């Protein structure tokens, strides 16, 4: 499977925001994370790093 786990980096810590993310859609200053079941989470952040081989996305504010 190619789903992603999304983390927020703050104060040298990583906080897991969401697992099994299938899409990340930018909407202005926000990102809409959508998982395999269609559940969504909206985050005011930007993408800092993609680690595709590890299936990880890191966000910052």
N, C-alpha and C. Protein backbone atom coordinates (compact mmCIF):
# COMPACT_ATOMS: atom_id res chain seq x y z
N UNK A 1 0.84 -1.18 0.00
CA UNK A 1 0.00 0.00 0.00
C UNK A 1 0.88 1.24 0.00
N UNK A 2 0.32 2.33 -0.48
CA UNK A 2 1.11 3.56 -0.61
C UNK A 2 0.57 4.69 0.25
N UNK A 3 -0.16 4.37 1.29
CA UNK A 3 -0.70 5.41 2.14
C UNK A 3 0.43 6.03 2.95
N UNK A 4 0.16 7.23 3.41
CA UNK A 4 1.16 8.01 4.15
C UNK A 4 0.75 8.20 5.60
N UNK A 5 1.74 8.42 6.43
CA UNK A 5 1.51 8.89 7.79
C UNK A 5 2.01 10.32 7.83
N UNK A 6 1.20 11.23 8.35
CA UNK A 6 1.53 12.65 8.37
C UNK A 6 1.90 13.06 9.79
N UNK A 7 3.02 13.77 9.90
CA UNK A 7 3.54 14.24 11.18
C UNK A 7 3.67 15.75 11.15
N UNK A 8 3.47 16.38 12.31
CA UNK A 8 3.70 17.81 12.47
C UNK A 8 4.97 17.97 13.29
N UNK A 9 5.92 18.75 12.77
CA UNK A 9 7.17 19.03 13.48
C UNK A 9 7.02 20.36 14.22
N UNK A 10 7.16 20.32 15.54
CA UNK A 10 7.11 21.52 16.37
C UNK A 10 8.07 21.36 17.53
N UNK A 11 8.88 22.37 17.76
CA UNK A 11 9.81 22.38 18.89
C UNK A 11 10.66 21.12 18.95
N UNK A 12 11.23 20.73 17.81
CA UNK A 12 12.09 19.55 17.72
C UNK A 12 11.39 18.24 18.09
N UNK A 13 10.07 18.21 18.00
CA UNK A 13 9.29 16.99 18.26
C UNK A 13 8.44 16.71 17.04
N UNK A 14 8.13 15.44 16.84
CA UNK A 14 7.19 15.09 15.79
C UNK A 14 5.93 14.51 16.41
N UNK A 15 4.81 15.06 15.98
CA UNK A 15 3.51 14.61 16.48
C UNK A 15 2.76 13.97 15.32
N UNK A 16 2.31 12.75 15.50
CA UNK A 16 1.56 12.06 14.45
C UNK A 16 0.17 12.68 14.35
N UNK A 17 -0.16 13.15 13.16
CA UNK A 17 -1.47 13.76 12.94
C UNK A 17 -2.48 12.77 12.39
N UNK A 18 -2.04 11.95 11.42
CA UNK A 18 -3.01 11.08 10.76
C UNK A 18 -2.28 9.95 10.05
N UNK A 19 -2.88 8.77 10.06
CA UNK A 19 -2.35 7.61 9.37
C UNK A 19 -3.22 7.28 8.16
N UNK A 20 -2.70 6.46 7.28
CA UNK A 20 -3.44 5.97 6.10
C UNK A 20 -3.95 7.11 5.22
N UNK A 21 -3.17 8.19 5.10
CA UNK A 21 -3.55 9.33 4.29
C UNK A 21 -3.38 8.98 2.82
N UNK A 22 -4.45 9.19 2.06
CA UNK A 22 -4.44 8.89 0.63
C UNK A 22 -4.24 10.15 -0.21
N UNK A 23 -4.77 11.30 0.29
CA UNK A 23 -4.60 12.55 -0.46
C UNK A 23 -4.31 13.70 0.49
N UNK A 24 -3.52 14.64 -0.02
CA UNK A 24 -3.25 15.91 0.67
C UNK A 24 -3.57 17.00 -0.33
N UNK A 25 -4.56 17.83 0.02
CA UNK A 25 -5.03 18.87 -0.89
C UNK A 25 -4.77 20.25 -0.28
N UNK A 26 -3.99 21.11 -0.95
CA UNK A 26 -3.77 22.46 -0.43
C UNK A 26 -5.00 23.33 -0.66
N UNK A 27 -5.34 24.11 0.37
CA UNK A 27 -6.42 25.10 0.28
C UNK A 27 -5.92 26.37 0.95
N UNK A 28 -5.27 27.22 0.19
CA UNK A 28 -4.70 28.44 0.75
C UNK A 28 -3.56 28.09 1.70
N UNK A 29 -3.68 28.52 2.95
CA UNK A 29 -2.66 28.25 3.97
C UNK A 29 -2.90 26.94 4.69
N UNK A 30 -3.94 26.21 4.27
CA UNK A 30 -4.30 24.96 4.95
C UNK A 30 -4.07 23.77 4.04
N UNK A 31 -3.96 22.61 4.67
CA UNK A 31 -3.89 21.34 3.95
C UNK A 31 -5.04 20.47 4.41
N UNK A 32 -5.72 19.84 3.47
CA UNK A 32 -6.79 18.91 3.79
C UNK A 32 -6.23 17.50 3.62
N UNK A 33 -6.17 16.77 4.73
CA UNK A 33 -5.69 15.39 4.73
C UNK A 33 -6.90 14.47 4.68
N UNK A 34 -6.89 13.53 3.75
CA UNK A 34 -8.01 12.60 3.61
C UNK A 34 -7.47 11.18 3.64
N UNK A 35 -8.08 10.34 4.50
CA UNK A 35 -7.61 8.96 4.61
C UNK A 35 -8.41 8.05 3.67
N UNK A 36 -8.10 6.77 3.74
CA UNK A 36 -8.72 5.78 2.86
C UNK A 36 -10.23 5.69 3.02
N UNK A 37 -10.73 5.99 4.22
CA UNK A 37 -12.16 5.90 4.48
C UNK A 37 -12.90 7.21 4.22
N UNK A 38 -12.16 8.23 3.75
CA UNK A 38 -12.78 9.52 3.45
C UNK A 38 -12.82 10.48 4.61
N UNK A 39 -12.29 10.09 5.76
CA UNK A 39 -12.24 11.01 6.89
C UNK A 39 -11.21 12.09 6.61
N UNK A 40 -11.53 13.32 7.01
CA UNK A 40 -10.65 14.43 6.72
C UNK A 40 -10.18 15.14 7.98
N UNK A 41 -9.00 15.73 7.86
CA UNK A 41 -8.47 16.59 8.91
C UNK A 41 -7.88 17.80 8.20
N UNK A 42 -8.21 18.99 8.67
CA UNK A 42 -7.69 20.23 8.08
C UNK A 42 -6.64 20.79 9.03
N UNK A 43 -5.48 21.13 8.45
CA UNK A 43 -4.34 21.58 9.24
C UNK A 43 -3.79 22.86 8.63
N UNK A 44 -3.54 23.87 9.47
CA UNK A 44 -2.86 25.07 9.00
C UNK A 44 -1.37 24.80 9.10
N UNK A 45 -0.79 24.39 7.98
CA UNK A 45 0.62 24.00 7.95
C UNK A 45 1.09 23.97 6.51
N UNK A 46 2.38 23.72 6.34
CA UNK A 46 2.95 23.56 5.01
C UNK A 46 3.82 22.31 5.02
N UNK A 47 4.05 21.76 3.87
CA UNK A 47 4.87 20.56 3.78
C UNK A 47 6.33 20.94 3.90
N UNK A 48 7.01 20.28 4.82
CA UNK A 48 8.44 20.50 5.02
C UNK A 48 9.25 19.44 4.29
N UNK A 49 8.83 18.18 4.38
CA UNK A 49 9.61 17.09 3.80
C UNK A 49 8.71 15.90 3.47
N UNK A 50 8.99 15.27 2.35
CA UNK A 50 8.32 14.03 1.95
C UNK A 50 9.35 12.92 1.98
N UNK A 51 9.04 11.85 2.66
CA UNK A 51 9.90 10.66 2.68
C UNK A 51 9.08 9.51 2.11
N UNK A 52 9.05 9.44 0.82
CA UNK A 52 8.15 8.52 0.14
C UNK A 52 8.50 7.06 0.37
N UNK A 53 9.78 6.74 0.44
CA UNK A 53 10.14 5.35 0.69
C UNK A 53 9.73 4.90 2.09
N UNK A 54 9.63 5.86 3.02
CA UNK A 54 9.20 5.56 4.39
C UNK A 54 7.71 5.81 4.58
N UNK A 55 7.03 6.32 3.54
CA UNK A 55 5.59 6.64 3.58
C UNK A 55 5.29 7.68 4.66
N UNK A 56 6.14 8.73 4.75
CA UNK A 56 5.98 9.77 5.76
C UNK A 56 5.97 11.14 5.11
N UNK A 57 5.15 12.03 5.67
CA UNK A 57 5.12 13.44 5.28
C UNK A 57 5.29 14.24 6.57
N UNK A 58 6.19 15.24 6.51
CA UNK A 58 6.42 16.11 7.67
C UNK A 58 5.92 17.51 7.34
N UNK A 59 5.12 18.06 8.25
CA UNK A 59 4.56 19.40 8.10
C UNK A 59 5.15 20.33 9.15
N UNK A 60 5.15 21.63 8.85
CA UNK A 60 5.51 22.67 9.83
C UNK A 60 4.48 23.78 9.75
N UNK A 61 4.45 24.59 10.77
CA UNK A 61 3.53 25.75 10.78
C UNK A 61 4.29 27.00 10.45
